[in-house]
């Protein structure tokens, strides 16, 4: 991917689902540091260690499945908010 960027085929590089030990290994070996780490982030999947490692490495975070994958319906805080406003979590 670094070669593709060098050739002008892409502007920025990113990674997906890199948790702390992946980031450490990657950052030791790359010439071009990635710009973003795409993680599954939502109220039922917060991944605090991966978020912290990404932020400490100055990587932007991009959430996929930001509305969850079914587990979101069991998050107590969301149940309380939905009930308060007479809405469904969805």
PDB file of N, CA and C in Angstrom:
ATOM      1  N   UNK A   1       0.826  -1.188   0.000  1.00  0.00           N
ATOM      2  CA  UNK A   1       0.000   0.000   0.000  1.00  0.00           C
ATOM      3  C   UNK A   1       0.869   1.250   0.000  1.00  0.00           C
ATOM      4  N   UNK A   2       2.022   1.159   0.650  1.00  0.00           N
ATOM      5  CA  UNK A   2       2.930   2.307   0.626  1.00  0.00           C
ATOM      6  C   UNK A   2       3.372   2.603  -0.802  1.00  0.00           C
ATOM      7  N   UNK A   3       3.621   1.557  -1.585  1.00  0.00           N
ATOM      8  CA  UNK A   3       4.001   1.754  -2.988  1.00  0.00           C
ATOM      9  C   UNK A   3       2.857   2.391  -3.768  1.00  0.00           C
ATOM     10  N   UNK A   4       1.646   1.959  -3.531  1.00  0.00           N
ATOM     11  CA  UNK A   4       0.487   2.540  -4.222  1.00  0.00           C
ATOM     12  C   UNK A   4       0.369   4.024  -3.897  1.00  0.00           C
ATOM     13  N   UNK A   5       0.621   4.395  -2.658  1.00  0.00           N
ATOM     14  CA  UNK A   5       0.553   5.811  -2.293  1.00  0.00           C
ATOM     15  C   UNK A   5       1.688   6.580  -2.966  1.00  0.00           C
ATOM     16  N   UNK A   6       2.867   6.010  -2.963  1.00  0.00           N
ATOM     17  CA  UNK A   6       4.031   6.651  -3.593  1.00  0.00           C
ATOM     18  C   UNK A   6       3.787   6.886  -5.082  1.00  0.00           C
ATOM     19  N   UNK A   7       3.075   5.958  -5.719  1.00  0.00           N
ATOM     20  CA  UNK A   7       2.756   6.076  -7.144  1.00  0.00           C
ATOM     21  C   UNK A   7       1.557   6.974  -7.413  1.00  0.00           C
ATOM     22  N   UNK A   8       0.951   7.518  -6.362  1.00  0.00           N
ATOM     23  CA  UNK A   8      -0.178   8.415  -6.526  1.00  0.00           C
ATOM     24  C   UNK A   8      -1.510   7.718  -6.725  1.00  0.00           C
ATOM     25  N   UNK A   9      -1.560   6.435  -6.465  1.00  0.00           N
ATOM     26  CA  UNK A   9      -2.798   5.682  -6.650  1.00  0.00           C
ATOM     27  C   UNK A   9      -3.755   5.843  -5.486  1.00  0.00           C
ATOM     28  N   UNK A  10      -3.248   6.306  -4.355  1.00  0.00           N
ATOM     29  CA  UNK A  10      -4.080   6.575  -3.188  1.00  0.00           C
ATOM     30  C   UNK A  10      -3.465   7.750  -2.436  1.00  0.00           C
ATOM     31  N   UNK A  11      -4.306   8.490  -1.744  1.00  0.00           N
ATOM     32  CA  UNK A  11      -3.791   9.635  -0.993  1.00  0.00           C
ATOM     33  C   UNK A  11      -3.376   9.259   0.420  1.00  0.00           C
ATOM     34  N   UNK A  12      -4.220   8.492   1.093  1.00  0.00           N
ATOM     35  CA  UNK A  12      -3.985   8.158   2.489  1.00  0.00           C
ATOM     36  C   UNK A  12      -4.082   6.655   2.697  1.00  0.00           C
ATOM     37  N   UNK A  13      -3.480   6.197   3.773  1.00  0.00           N
ATOM     38  CA  UNK A  13      -3.536   4.784   4.119  1.00  0.00           C
ATOM     39  C   UNK A  13      -4.280   4.626   5.443  1.00  0.00           C
ATOM     40  N   UNK A  14      -4.935   3.499   5.594  1.00  0.00           N
ATOM     41  CA  UNK A  14      -5.634   3.212   6.833  1.00  0.00           C
ATOM     42  C   UNK A  14      -5.576   1.733   7.144  1.00  0.00           C
ATOM     43  N   UNK A  15      -5.999   1.422   8.361  1.00  0.00           N
ATOM     44  CA  UNK A  15      -6.062   0.042   8.809  1.00  0.00           C
ATOM     45  C   UNK A  15      -7.448  -0.222   9.360  1.00  0.00           C
ATOM     46  N   UNK A  16      -7.766  -1.474   9.554  1.00  0.00           N
ATOM     47  CA  UNK A  16      -9.073  -1.840  10.080  1.00  0.00           C
ATOM     48  C   UNK A  16      -8.901  -2.902  11.156  1.00  0.00           C
ATOM     49  N   UNK A  17      -9.579  -2.687  12.276  1.00  0.00           N
ATOM     50  CA  UNK A  17      -9.594  -3.637  13.391  1.00  0.00           C
ATOM     51  C   UNK A  17      -8.225  -3.851  14.015  1.00  0.00           C
ATOM     52  N   UNK A  18      -7.388  -2.829  14.026  1.00  0.00           N
ATOM     53  CA  UNK A  18      -6.076  -2.950  14.643  1.00  0.00           C
ATOM     54  C   UNK A  18      -6.190  -2.632  16.125  1.00  0.00           C
ATOM     55  N   UNK A  19      -5.893  -3.641  16.953  1.00  0.00           N
ATOM     56  CA  UNK A  19      -5.902  -3.455  18.395  1.00  0.00           C
ATOM     57  C   UNK A  19      -4.461  -3.128  18.829  1.00  0.00           C
ATOM     58  N   UNK A  20      -4.244  -2.776  20.098  1.00  0.00           N
ATOM     59  CA  UNK A  20      -2.939  -2.239  20.491  1.00  0.00           C
ATOM     60  C   UNK A  20      -1.715  -3.004  19.995  1.00  0.00           C
ATOM     61  N   UNK A  21      -1.675  -4.318  20.156  1.00  0.00           N
ATOM     62  CA  UNK A  21      -0.456  -5.024  19.733  1.00  0.00           C
ATOM     63  C   UNK A  21      -0.282  -5.019  18.216  1.00  0.00           C
ATOM     64  N   UNK A  22      -1.378  -4.953  17.471  1.00  0.00           N
ATOM     65  CA  UNK A  22      -1.266  -4.823  16.010  1.00  0.00           C
ATOM     66  C   UNK A  22      -0.659  -3.472  15.646  1.00  0.00           C
ATOM     67  N   UNK A  23      -1.152  -2.421  16.310  1.00  0.00           N
ATOM     68  CA  UNK A  23      -0.648  -1.075  16.025  1.00  0.00           C
ATOM     69  C   UNK A  23       0.836  -0.964  16.354  1.00  0.00           C
ATOM     70  N   UNK A  24       1.224  -1.511  17.504  1.00  0.00           N
ATOM     71  CA  UNK A  24       2.639  -1.449  17.894  1.00  0.00           C
ATOM     72  C   UNK A  24       3.528  -2.099  16.840  1.00  0.00           C
ATOM     73  N   UNK A  25       3.170  -3.288  16.409  1.00  0.00           N
ATOM     74  CA  UNK A  25       3.967  -3.995  15.408  1.00  0.00           C
ATOM     75  C   UNK A  25       3.988  -3.241  14.082  1.00  0.00           C
ATOM     76  N   UNK A  26       2.843  -2.719  13.686  1.00  0.00           N
ATOM     77  CA  UNK A  26       2.761  -1.991  12.425  1.00  0.00           C
ATOM     78  C   UNK A  26       3.627  -0.743  12.453  1.00  0.00           C
ATOM     79  N   UNK A  27       3.493   0.050  13.510  1.00  0.00           N
ATOM     80  CA  UNK A  27       4.194   1.331  13.562  1.00  0.00           C
ATOM     81  C   UNK A  27       5.700   1.173  13.659  1.00  0.00           C
ATOM     82  N   UNK A  28       6.154  -0.002  14.069  1.00  0.00           N
ATOM     83  CA  UNK A  28       7.598  -0.269  14.089  1.00  0.00           C
ATOM     84  C   UNK A  28       8.152  -0.542  12.695  1.00  0.00           C
ATOM     85  N   UNK A  29       7.281  -0.894  11.752  1.00  0.00           N
ATOM     86  CA  UNK A  29       7.790  -1.366  10.456  1.00  0.00           C
ATOM     87  C   UNK A  29       7.385  -0.530   9.253  1.00  0.00           C
ATOM     88  N   UNK A  30       6.503   0.439   9.415  1.00  0.00           N
ATOM     89  CA  UNK A  30       6.029   1.187   8.248  1.00  0.00           C
ATOM     90  C   UNK A  30       6.907   2.395   7.939  1.00  0.00           C
ATOM     91  N   UNK A  31       6.896   2.781   6.678  1.00  0.00           N
ATOM     92  CA  UNK A  31       7.517   4.035   6.263  1.00  0.00           C
ATOM     93  C   UNK A  31       6.484   5.151   6.293  1.00  0.00           C
ATOM     94  N   UNK A  32       5.240   4.788   5.940  1.00  0.00           N
ATOM     95  CA  UNK A  32       4.138   5.749   5.913  1.00  0.00           C
ATOM     96  C   UNK A  32       3.128   5.333   6.981  1.00  0.00           C
ATOM     97  N   UNK A  33       2.946   6.197   7.953  1.00  0.00           N
ATOM     98  CA  UNK A  33       2.011   5.895   9.041  1.00  0.00           C
ATOM     99  C   UNK A  33       0.584   6.001   8.529  1.00  0.00           C
ATOM    100  N   UNK A  34      -0.284   5.054   8.898  1.00  0.00           N
ATOM    101  CA  UNK A  34      -1.680   5.154   8.490  1.00  0.00           C
ATOM    102  C   UNK A  34      -2.342   6.382   9.122  1.00  0.00           C
ATOM    103  N   UNK A  35      -3.418   6.811   8.506  1.00  0.00           N
ATOM    104  CA  UNK A  35      -4.155   7.984   8.971  1.00  0.00           C
ATOM    105  C   UNK A  35      -5.321   7.591   9.858  1.00  0.00           C
ATOM    106  N   UNK A  36      -5.905   6.419   9.602  1.00  0.00           N
ATOM    107  CA  UNK A  36      -7.148   6.043  10.265  1.00  0.00           C
ATOM    108  C   UNK A  36      -7.133   4.575  10.663  1.00  0.00           C
ATOM    109  N   UNK A  37      -7.839   4.282  11.753  1.00  0.00           N
ATOM    110  CA  UNK A  37      -8.085   2.899  12.159  1.00  0.00           C
ATOM    111  C   UNK A  37      -9.599   2.735  12.204  1.00  0.00           C
ATOM    112  N   UNK A  38     -10.111   1.865  11.377  1.00  0.00           N
ATOM    113  CA  UNK A  38     -11.551   1.610  11.330  1.00  0.00           C
ATOM    114  C   UNK A  38     -11.868   0.463  12.293  1.00  0.00           C
ATOM    115  N   UNK A  39     -12.737   0.760  13.263  1.00  0.00           N
ATOM    116  CA  UNK A  39     -13.090  -0.214  14.295  1.00  0.00           C
ATOM    117  C   UNK A  39     -14.597  -0.357  14.388  1.00  0.00           C
ATOM    118  N   UNK A  40     -15.040  -1.499  14.863  1.00  0.00           N
ATOM    119  CA  UNK A  40     -16.452  -1.642  15.195  1.00  0.00           C
ATOM    120  C   UNK A  40     -16.653  -0.897  16.510  1.00  0.00           C
ATOM    121  N   UNK A  41     -17.333   0.229  16.423  1.00  0.00           N
ATOM    122  CA  UNK A  41     -17.576   1.066  17.605  1.00  0.00           C
ATOM    123  C   UNK A  41     -19.049   1.395  17.684  1.00  0.00           C
ATOM    124  N   UNK A  42     -19.641   1.089  18.810  1.00  0.00           N
ATOM    125  CA  UNK A  42     -21.044   1.406  19.060  1.00  0.00           C
ATOM    126  C   UNK A  42     -21.285   1.242  20.550  1.00  0.00           C
ATOM    127  N   UNK A  43     -22.455   1.596  21.052  1.00  0.00           N
ATOM    128  CA  UNK A  43     -22.684   1.524  22.493  1.00  0.00           C
ATOM    129  C   UNK A  43     -22.502   0.140  23.109  1.00  0.00           C
ATOM    130  N   UNK A  44     -22.580  -0.917  22.310  1.00  0.00           N
ATOM    131  CA  UNK A  44     -22.378  -2.252  22.874  1.00  0.00           C
ATOM    132  C   UNK A  44     -20.973  -2.788  22.593  1.00  0.00           C
ATOM    133  N   UNK A  45     -20.189  -2.063  21.855  1.00  0.00           N
ATOM    134  CA  UNK A  45     -18.832  -2.502  21.476  1.00  0.00           C
ATOM    135  C   UNK A  45     -17.928  -1.273  21.471  1.00  0.00           C
ATOM    136  N   UNK A  46     -17.416  -0.899  22.646  1.00  0.00           N
ATOM    137  CA  UNK A  46     -16.664   0.347  22.784  1.00  0.00           C
ATOM    138  C   UNK A  46     -15.160   0.205  22.530  1.00  0.00           C
ATOM    139  N   UNK A  47     -14.600  -0.955  22.719  1.00  0.00           N
ATOM    140  CA  UNK A  47     -13.184  -1.243  22.488  1.00  0.00           C
ATOM    141  C   UNK A  47     -12.254  -0.159  23.050  1.00  0.00           C
ATOM    142  N   UNK A  48     -12.326   0.118  24.352  1.00  0.00           N
ATOM    143  CA  UNK A  48     -11.548   1.224  24.918  1.00  0.00           C
ATOM    144  C   UNK A  48     -10.040   1.113  24.714  1.00  0.00           C
ATOM    145  N   UNK A  49      -9.491  -0.100  24.750  1.00  0.00           N
ATOM    146  CA  UNK A  49      -8.042  -0.241  24.574  1.00  0.00           C
ATOM    147  C   UNK A  49      -7.617   0.082  23.142  1.00  0.00           C
ATOM    148  N   UNK A  50      -8.405  -0.347  22.182  1.00  0.00           N
ATOM    149  CA  UNK A  50      -8.096  -0.052  20.782  1.00  0.00           C
ATOM    150  C   UNK A  50      -8.276   1.433  20.493  1.00  0.00           C
ATOM    151  N   UNK A  51      -9.300   2.036  21.078  1.00  0.00           N
ATOM    152  CA  UNK A  51      -9.532   3.474  20.898  1.00  0.00           C
ATOM    153  C   UNK A  51      -8.368   4.260  21.485  1.00  0.00           C
ATOM    154  N   UNK A  52      -7.972   3.919  22.694  1.00  0.00           N
ATOM    155  CA  UNK A  52      -6.869   4.623  23.355  1.00  0.00           C
ATOM    156  C   UNK A  52      -5.568   4.480  22.567  1.00  0.00           C
ATOM    157  N   UNK A  53      -5.269   3.262  22.113  1.00  0.00           N
ATOM    158  CA  UNK A  53      -4.040   3.031  21.339  1.00  0.00           C
ATOM    159  C   UNK A  53      -4.055   3.822  20.038  1.00  0.00           C
ATOM    160  N   UNK A  54      -5.209   3.890  19.395  1.00  0.00           N
ATOM    161  CA  UNK A  54      -5.321   4.655  18.151  1.00  0.00           C
ATOM    162  C   UNK A  54      -5.103   6.136  18.413  1.00  0.00           C
ATOM    163  N   UNK A  55      -5.757   6.644  19.446  1.00  0.00           N
ATOM    164  CA  UNK A  55      -5.594   8.062  19.784  1.00  0.00           C
ATOM    165  C   UNK A  55      -4.146   8.377  20.169  1.00  0.00           C
ATOM    166  N   UNK A  56      -3.527   7.499  20.950  1.00  0.00           N
ATOM    167  CA  UNK A  56      -2.136   7.713  21.348  1.00  0.00           C
ATOM    168  C   UNK A  56      -1.189   7.687  20.156  1.00  0.00           C
ATOM    169  N   UNK A  57      -1.593   7.015  19.096  1.00  0.00           N
ATOM    170  CA  UNK A  57      -0.790   6.955  17.865  1.00  0.00           C
ATOM    171  C   UNK A  57      -1.208   8.028  16.870  1.00  0.00           C
ATOM    172  N   UNK A  58      -2.092   8.917  17.312  1.00  0.00           N
ATOM    173  CA  UNK A  58      -2.605   9.998  16.456  1.00  0.00           C
ATOM    174  C   UNK A  58      -3.299   9.491  15.199  1.00  0.00           C
ATOM    175  N   UNK A  59      -4.020   8.389  15.344  1.00  0.00           N
ATOM    176  CA  UNK A  59      -4.813   7.865  14.234  1.00  0.00           C
ATOM    177  C   UNK A  59      -6.257   8.311  14.421  1.00  0.00           C
ATOM    178  N   UNK A  60      -6.878   8.702  13.331  1.00  0.00           N
ATOM    179  CA  UNK A  60      -8.299   8.990  13.385  1.00  0.00           C
ATOM    180  C   UNK A  60      -9.059   7.689  13.579  1.00  0.00           C
ATOM    181  N   UNK A  61     -10.210   7.772  14.192  1.00  0.00           N
ATOM    182  CA  UNK A  61     -11.065   6.608  14.357  1.00  0.00           C
ATOM    183  C   UNK A  61     -12.256   6.720  13.428  1.00  0.00           C
ATOM    184  N   UNK A  62     -12.574   5.618  12.795  1.00  0.00           N
ATOM    185  CA  UNK A  62     -13.763   5.537  11.951  1.00  0.00           C
ATOM    186  C   UNK A  62     -14.575   4.342  12.430  1.00  0.00           C
ATOM    187  N   UNK A  63     -15.822   4.608  12.780  1.00  0.00           N
ATOM    188  CA  UNK A  63     -16.680   3.546  13.298  1.00  0.00           C
ATOM    189  C   UNK A  63     -17.395   2.824  12.162  1.00  0.00           C
ATOM    190  N   UNK A  64     -17.418   1.501  12.243  1.00  0.00           N
ATOM    191  CA  UNK A  64     -18.342   0.773  11.391  1.00  0.00           C
ATOM    192  C   UNK A  64     -19.319   0.070  12.309  1.00  0.00           C
ATOM    193  N   UNK A  65     -20.491  -0.213  11.810  1.00  0.00           N
ATOM    194  CA  UNK A  65     -21.601  -0.714  12.624  1.00  0.00           C
ATOM    195  C   UNK A  65     -21.862   0.181  13.826  1.00  0.00           C
ATOM    196  N   UNK A  66     -21.935   1.516  13.605  1.00  0.00           N
ATOM    197  CA  UNK A  66     -22.109   2.424  14.736  1.00  0.00           C
ATOM    198  C   UNK A  66     -23.436   2.244  15.467  1.00  0.00           C
ATOM    199  N   UNK A  67     -24.381   1.567  14.862  1.00  0.00           N
ATOM    200  CA  UNK A  67     -25.653   1.321  15.536  1.00  0.00           C
ATOM    201  C   UNK A  67     -25.718  -0.067  16.147  1.00  0.00           C
ATOM    202  N   UNK A  68     -24.627  -0.799  16.091  1.00  0.00           N
ATOM    203  CA  UNK A  68     -24.571  -2.105  16.749  1.00  0.00           C
ATOM    204  C   UNK A  68     -25.035  -3.237  15.866  1.00  0.00           C
ATOM    205  N   UNK A  69     -24.957  -4.420  16.427  1.00  0.00           N
ATOM    206  CA  UNK A  69     -25.308  -5.629  15.673  1.00  0.00           C
ATOM    207  C   UNK A  69     -26.259  -6.508  16.470  1.00  0.00           C
ATOM    208  N   UNK A  70     -27.185  -5.884  17.151  1.00  0.00           N
ATOM    209  CA  UNK A  70     -28.138  -6.643  17.946  1.00  0.00           C
ATOM    210  C   UNK A  70     -27.888  -6.526  19.431  1.00  0.00           C
ATOM    211  N   UNK A  71     -26.613  -6.489  19.838  1.00  0.00           N
ATOM    212  CA  UNK A  71     -26.289  -6.351  21.259  1.00  0.00           C
ATOM    213  C   UNK A  71     -26.752  -5.002  21.806  1.00  0.00           C
ATOM    214  N   UNK A  72     -26.905  -4.041  20.908  1.00  0.00           N
ATOM    215  CA  UNK A  72     -27.295  -2.689  21.308  1.00  0.00           C
ATOM    216  C   UNK A  72     -28.624  -2.684  22.067  1.00  0.00           C
ATOM    217  N   UNK A  73     -29.461  -3.663  21.793  1.00  0.00           N
ATOM    218  CA  UNK A  73     -30.779  -3.721  22.435  1.00  0.00           C
ATOM    219  C   UNK A  73     -30.699  -4.169  23.891  1.00  0.00           C
ATOM    220  N   UNK A  74     -29.523  -4.572  24.347  1.00  0.00           N
ATOM    221  CA  UNK A  74     -29.331  -4.999  25.732  1.00  0.00           C
ATOM    222  C   UNK A  74     -28.506  -4.019  26.559  1.00  0.00           C
ATOM    223  N   UNK A  75     -28.198  -2.851  25.998  1.00  0.00           N
ATOM    224  CA  UNK A  75     -27.420  -1.852  26.716  1.00  0.00           C
ATOM    225  C   UNK A  75     -28.363  -1.089  27.653  1.00  0.00           C
ATOM    226  N   UNK A  76     -28.143  -1.242  28.960  1.00  0.00           N
ATOM    227  CA  UNK A  76     -29.055  -0.675  29.959  1.00  0.00           C
ATOM    228  C   UNK A  76     -29.283   0.823  29.770  1.00  0.00           C
ATOM    229  N   UNK A  77     -28.227   1.568  29.495  1.00  0.00           N
ATOM    230  CA  UNK A  77     -28.364   3.008  29.318  1.00  0.00           C
ATOM    231  C   UNK A  77     -29.304   3.342  28.159  1.00  0.00           C
ATOM    232  N   UNK A  78     -29.206   2.580  27.084  1.00  0.00           N
ATOM    233  CA  UNK A  78     -30.079   2.823  25.938  1.00  0.00           C
ATOM    234  C   UNK A  78     -31.513   2.413  26.225  1.00  0.00           C
ATOM    235  N   UNK A  79     -31.682   1.353  26.984  1.00  0.00           N
ATOM    236  CA  UNK A  79     -33.035   0.941  27.379  1.00  0.00           C
ATOM    237  C   UNK A  79     -33.682   2.057  28.198  1.00  0.00           C
ATOM    238  N   UNK A  80     -32.941   2.616  29.151  1.00  0.00           N
ATOM    239  CA  UNK A  80     -33.458   3.692  29.998  1.00  0.00           C
ATOM    240  C   UNK A  80     -33.817   4.923  29.175  1.00  0.00           C
ATOM    241  N   UNK A  81     -32.954   5.312  28.270  1.00  0.00           N
ATOM    242  CA  UNK A  81     -33.215   6.486  27.423  1.00  0.00           C
ATOM    243  C   UNK A  81     -34.437   6.245  26.552  1.00  0.00           C
ATOM    244  N   UNK A  82     -34.534   5.085  25.949  1.00  0.00           N
ATOM    245  CA  UNK A  82     -35.671   4.765  25.080  1.00  0.00           C
ATOM    246  C   UNK A  82     -36.975   4.793  25.869  1.00  0.00           C
ATOM    247  N   UNK A  83     -36.970   4.189  27.045  1.00  0.00           N
ATOM    248  CA  UNK A  83     -38.184   4.185  27.868  1.00  0.00           C
ATOM    249  C   UNK A  83     -38.573   5.594  28.281  1.00  0.00           C
ATOM    250  N   UNK A  84     -37.598   6.398  28.655  1.00  0.00           N
ATOM    251  CA  UNK A  84     -37.863   7.776  29.079  1.00  0.00           C
ATOM    252  C   UNK A  84     -38.569   8.571  27.980  1.00  0.00           C
ATOM    253  N   UNK A  85     -38.166   8.341  26.743  1.00  0.00           N
ATOM    254  CA  UNK A  85     -38.717   9.091  25.616  1.00  0.00           C
ATOM    255  C   UNK A  85     -39.801   8.334  24.862  1.00  0.00           C
ATOM    256  N   UNK A  86     -40.201   7.192  25.446  1.00  0.00           N
ATOM    257  CA  UNK A  86     -41.237   6.347  24.834  1.00  0.00           C
ATOM    258  C   UNK A  86     -40.916   6.007  23.377  1.00  0.00           C
ATOM    259  N   UNK A  87     -39.685   5.612  23.205  1.00  0.00           N
ATOM    260  CA  UNK A  87     -39.183   5.226  21.872  1.00  0.00           C
ATOM    261  C   UNK A  87     -38.573   3.853  21.938  1.00  0.00           C
ATOM    262  N   UNK A  88     -38.372   3.272  20.790  1.00  0.00           N
ATOM    263  CA  UNK A  88     -37.634   2.015  20.721  1.00  0.00           C
ATOM    264  C   UNK A  88     -36.153   2.329  20.576  1.00  0.00           C
ATOM    265  N   UNK A  89     -35.326   1.446  21.007  1.00  0.00           N
ATOM    266  CA  UNK A  89     -33.890   1.664  20.882  1.00  0.00           C
ATOM    267  C   UNK A  89     -33.491   1.868  19.417  1.00  0.00           C
ATOM    268  N   UNK A  90     -34.103   1.115  18.538  1.00  0.00           N
ATOM    269  CA  UNK A  90     -33.775   1.242  17.108  1.00  0.00           C
ATOM    270  C   UNK A  90     -34.026   2.650  16.628  1.00  0.00           C
TER     271      UNK A  90
END
